[in-house]
């Protein structure tokens, strides 16, 4: 028996937490990118007084939030198999490229 059927409340709570974490990461990255696009220094940092986030880091927050959301997708198959596109490896490679390239 799959673990999701053995403890449905725990499974639902963990799925809700994962969706919330993904949405928070995506919204945080979008707010920082909007701060750079609109030239608003107050939106470039997560909290007042903190160092501003780089635009590439904000993009990585958005991409990793998308990867987490895509990893939660299932097609409703009885076995619960994940058939979402492999977004996670693509996002992680983009983030590594932005982190270690001098162009970003």
C-alpha atoms as a PDB file:
ATOM      1  CA  UNK A   1       0.000   0.000   0.000  1.00  0.00           C
ATOM      2  CA  UNK A   2       1.447   3.433  -0.925  1.00  0.00           C
ATOM      3  CA  UNK A   3       2.357   5.729   1.934  1.00  0.00           C
ATOM      4  CA  UNK A   4      -0.162   8.325   0.739  1.00  0.00           C
ATOM      5  CA  UNK A   5      -3.037   5.906   1.396  1.00  0.00           C
ATOM      6  CA  UNK A   6      -1.741   4.856   4.791  1.00  0.00           C
ATOM      7  CA  UNK A   7      -1.645   8.434   6.168  1.00  0.00           C
ATOM      8  CA  UNK A   8      -3.810  10.731   4.021  1.00  0.00           C
ATOM      9  CA  UNK A   9      -3.671  13.677   6.446  1.00  0.00           C
ATOM     10  CA  UNK A  10       0.121  13.688   6.549  1.00  0.00           C
ATOM     11  CA  UNK A  11       0.290  13.379   2.770  1.00  0.00           C
ATOM     12  CA  UNK A  12      -2.137  16.272   2.246  1.00  0.00           C
ATOM     13  CA  UNK A  13      -0.282  18.455   4.744  1.00  0.00           C
ATOM     14  CA  UNK A  14       3.091  17.786   3.134  1.00  0.00           C
ATOM     15  CA  UNK A  15       1.702  18.499  -0.347  1.00  0.00           C
ATOM     16  CA  UNK A  16       0.192  21.773   0.882  1.00  0.00           C
ATOM     17  CA  UNK A  17       3.502  22.747   2.502  1.00  0.00           C
ATOM     18  CA  UNK A  18       5.423  21.991  -0.705  1.00  0.00           C
ATOM     19  CA  UNK A  19       3.005  24.043  -2.816  1.00  0.00           C
ATOM     20  CA  UNK A  20       3.217  26.931  -0.336  1.00  0.00           C
ATOM     21  CA  UNK A  21       7.031  26.821  -0.357  1.00  0.00           C
ATOM     22  CA  UNK A  22       7.108  26.802  -4.158  1.00  0.00           C
ATOM     23  CA  UNK A  23       4.704  29.728  -4.404  1.00  0.00           C
ATOM     24  CA  UNK A  24       6.616  31.747  -1.805  1.00  0.00           C
ATOM     25  CA  UNK A  25       9.881  31.202  -3.675  1.00  0.00           C
ATOM     26  CA  UNK A  26       8.302  32.222  -6.970  1.00  0.00           C
ATOM     27  CA  UNK A  27       6.617  35.317  -5.518  1.00  0.00           C
ATOM     28  CA  UNK A  28       9.811  36.371  -3.741  1.00  0.00           C
ATOM     29  CA  UNK A  29      11.816  36.044  -6.942  1.00  0.00           C
ATOM     30  CA  UNK A  30       9.176  37.902  -8.934  1.00  0.00           C
ATOM     31  CA  UNK A  31       9.108  40.780  -6.439  1.00  0.00           C
ATOM     32  CA  UNK A  32      12.885  41.152  -6.609  1.00  0.00           C
ATOM     33  CA  UNK A  33      12.847  41.069 -10.423  1.00  0.00           C
ATOM     34  CA  UNK A  34      10.082  43.678 -10.413  1.00  0.00           C
ATOM     35  CA  UNK A  35      12.272  45.814  -8.151  1.00  0.00           C
ATOM     36  CA  UNK A  36      15.049  45.702 -10.728  1.00  0.00           C
ATOM     37  CA  UNK A  37      12.745  46.295 -13.690  1.00  0.00           C
ATOM     38  CA  UNK A  38      10.946  49.235 -12.025  1.00  0.00           C
ATOM     39  CA  UNK A  39      14.149  50.561 -10.412  1.00  0.00           C
ATOM     40  CA  UNK A  40      12.743  50.355  -6.880  1.00  0.00           C
ATOM     41  CA  UNK A  41      15.565  49.660  -4.400  1.00  0.00           C
ATOM     42  CA  UNK A  42      13.091  48.732  -1.653  1.00  0.00           C
ATOM     43  CA  UNK A  43      11.957  45.678  -3.617  1.00  0.00           C
ATOM     44  CA  UNK A  44      15.444  44.398  -4.374  1.00  0.00           C
ATOM     45  CA  UNK A  45      15.992  42.972  -0.884  1.00  0.00           C
ATOM     46  CA  UNK A  46      13.869  40.432   0.947  1.00  0.00           C
ATOM     47  CA  UNK A  47      13.896  42.487   4.174  1.00  0.00           C
ATOM     48  CA  UNK A  48      14.762  46.111   4.838  1.00  0.00           C
ATOM     49  CA  UNK A  49      18.431  46.486   5.682  1.00  0.00           C
ATOM     50  CA  UNK A  50      19.492  43.234   4.040  1.00  0.00           C
ATOM     51  CA  UNK A  51      21.804  43.102   1.056  1.00  0.00           C
ATOM     52  CA  UNK A  52      19.920  43.246  -2.253  1.00  0.00           C
ATOM     53  CA  UNK A  53      19.406  40.002  -4.127  1.00  0.00           C
ATOM     54  CA  UNK A  54      20.997  39.671  -7.559  1.00  0.00           C
ATOM     55  CA  UNK A  55      18.583  39.339 -10.500  1.00  0.00           C
ATOM     56  CA  UNK A  56      20.034  35.951 -11.393  1.00  0.00           C
ATOM     57  CA  UNK A  57      19.332  34.698  -7.878  1.00  0.00           C
ATOM     58  CA  UNK A  58      15.757  35.939  -8.195  1.00  0.00           C
ATOM     59  CA  UNK A  59      15.447  34.067 -11.483  1.00  0.00           C
ATOM     60  CA  UNK A  60      16.769  30.936  -9.789  1.00  0.00           C
ATOM     61  CA  UNK A  61      14.145  31.313  -7.035  1.00  0.00           C
ATOM     62  CA  UNK A  62      11.431  31.392  -9.712  1.00  0.00           C
ATOM     63  CA  UNK A  63      12.882  28.429 -11.609  1.00  0.00           C
ATOM     64  CA  UNK A  64      13.290  26.307  -8.492  1.00  0.00           C
ATOM     65  CA  UNK A  65       9.731  27.107  -7.409  1.00  0.00           C
ATOM     66  CA  UNK A  66       8.535  25.944 -10.826  1.00  0.00           C
ATOM     67  CA  UNK A  67      10.624  22.799 -10.538  1.00  0.00           C
ATOM     68  CA  UNK A  68       9.059  22.018  -7.166  1.00  0.00           C
ATOM     69  CA  UNK A  69       5.550  22.562  -8.526  1.00  0.00           C
ATOM     70  CA  UNK A  70       6.232  20.363 -11.545  1.00  0.00           C
ATOM     71  CA  UNK A  71       7.644  17.636  -9.313  1.00  0.00           C
ATOM     72  CA  UNK A  72       4.294  17.469  -7.513  1.00  0.00           C
ATOM     73  CA  UNK A  73       2.306  16.805 -10.681  1.00  0.00           C
ATOM     74  CA  UNK A  74       0.808  13.394 -11.232  1.00  0.00           C
ATOM     75  CA  UNK A  75      -1.580  12.268 -13.920  1.00  0.00           C
ATOM     76  CA  UNK A  76      -4.059  10.626 -11.588  1.00  0.00           C
ATOM     77  CA  UNK A  77      -2.693   7.167 -12.278  1.00  0.00           C
ATOM     78  CA  UNK A  78      -3.526   4.645  -9.561  1.00  0.00           C
ATOM     79  CA  UNK A  79       0.134   4.091  -8.747  1.00  0.00           C
ATOM     80  CA  UNK A  80       0.720   7.852  -8.364  1.00  0.00           C
ATOM     81  CA  UNK A  81       3.570   7.888 -10.866  1.00  0.00           C
ATOM     82  CA  UNK A  82       5.070  11.264 -11.616  1.00  0.00           C
ATOM     83  CA  UNK A  83       4.956  11.957 -15.335  1.00  0.00           C
ATOM     84  CA  UNK A  84       5.807  15.653 -15.194  1.00  0.00           C
ATOM     85  CA  UNK A  85       8.536  16.927 -17.509  1.00  0.00           C
ATOM     86  CA  UNK A  86      12.039  16.808 -16.005  1.00  0.00           C
ATOM     87  CA  UNK A  87      12.141  20.483 -15.094  1.00  0.00           C
ATOM     88  CA  UNK A  88      14.292  20.059 -11.984  1.00  0.00           C
ATOM     89  CA  UNK A  89      17.547  19.136 -13.755  1.00  0.00           C
ATOM     90  CA  UNK A  90      17.056  21.924 -16.297  1.00  0.00           C
ATOM     91  CA  UNK A  91      16.440  24.500 -13.563  1.00  0.00           C
ATOM     92  CA  UNK A  92      19.416  23.391 -11.512  1.00  0.00           C
ATOM     93  CA  UNK A  93      21.728  23.605 -14.543  1.00  0.00           C
ATOM     94  CA  UNK A  94      20.447  27.097 -15.353  1.00  0.00           C
ATOM     95  CA  UNK A  95      21.058  28.172 -11.766  1.00  0.00           C
ATOM     96  CA  UNK A  96      24.582  26.749 -11.786  1.00  0.00           C
ATOM     97  CA  UNK A  97      25.311  28.493 -15.080  1.00  0.00           C
ATOM     98  CA  UNK A  98      24.103  31.828 -13.709  1.00  0.00           C
ATOM     99  CA  UNK A  99      26.030  31.339 -10.485  1.00  0.00           C
ATOM    100  CA  UNK A 100      29.395  30.519 -12.025  1.00  0.00           C
ATOM    101  CA  UNK A 101      29.380  32.432 -15.288  1.00  0.00           C
ATOM    102  CA  UNK A 102      30.778  35.923 -15.410  1.00  0.00           C
ATOM    103  CA  UNK A 103      28.096  37.056 -17.871  1.00  0.00           C
ATOM    104  CA  UNK A 104      25.233  36.887 -15.341  1.00  0.00           C
END
